[in-house]
Amino acid sequence: MSAASPSPPVPHVSEAKQTRVRQAESLSQEMLKKKVVSLVAFRGVPAANLQMMRKGLRDRGHIFHVAPNSQIIHALERATGSSPKLAELIPLVTDQTAVLISDSNPFVLFRELKKTRNKVAPRGGEIAPEDIMVHAGNTPFKPGPIVAELQHAGFPAAIEKGAVVIKKDTVVVKKGEPISREVAQMLGRLDIKPIEVGLMLRAAVEEETLYGSDVLSVDFDAMLGNLARARIQAQELALAAGFITPETLPLLISRSFRQARGLALHAGFISADTIASLLGRAVREANALKGLAK
């Protein structure tokens, strides 16, 4: 009997790769423990600030996980077996991305993260989020080489009455274009801060619903104001129509009482509610007649 052929060699898996696989598996399990899985963009956030933000989120019961995009994608792929909707997050894992896992409402999460954002001057190389405009008017600079530097960067600068001024409103970088280092330097010196940094919730999945940032960006104060106005208008309409609800019933009864009392006074109908007013009116009319008789 011939000897058994040797088994093929088992490919060696590095310890680092095994660690990454374990981390992806752990992250996928975490995704399935809470109601909301979201992706967070954090480009431009200094490392120290990011650590503070992460601690604050964890203190409020959220899981904030920073990992390479490949690991996040792998974790999402594994989690889609139990939660298929998470597959829609995979194409959104781009640039610098973190995972935020929570039981909180996605709209509340978006608002929480928005509070971490602030405006800063660019360093150069960023993409303009909107048209960057410099407005006409005085600058803080004294006349000198700065005028040529501003002009070279595309700022319409000149010296007028001994001061350096921007002659007219000018868009120095259009939306979607890169900000050159030269322009960034001048924007910083003019204290113009067009770049927003901080945590931005890019998208979130809650059970079977995917929420994009465009949906989550809700002005809660404006919404509450609209709801308050709608409530007042609805109540006014219900009162005008005599529509009875728990909110309108006391007001309708009060209005009916005032109308009934007014009618009774006009007709001179005596009751416990009208007698005092009728006697008072009679006294005033009697005094008026007495005055005419003199």
Foldseek 3Di string as FASTA:
>chain_A
DDDDDDDPDDDDDDPVNVVLVVVLQVVLVLQVPAQKKFKKDFPPQDPVLVVVVQVVLVVVPKHKFFDPLVSPLSSLVVNCVVAVLSNVCNVVSDDGIIMIGHNDDPLVVQVVFVVFKDFAQDQWFDFQQAFDKDAWDFAPDFDDCVQVLCVVLPFCWDADPRTIIRHGIDRSHGGGHTGGNSNSVVCVRRVNTRDMGTMGTQWMDGRNDIGGSVRSPDDVVVVVVVVVVVVVVVLVVCLVVVNDDPVCVVVNVVVVVVVVQVVCLVVVNDDPVCPVVNVVVVVVVVVVVVVVVD
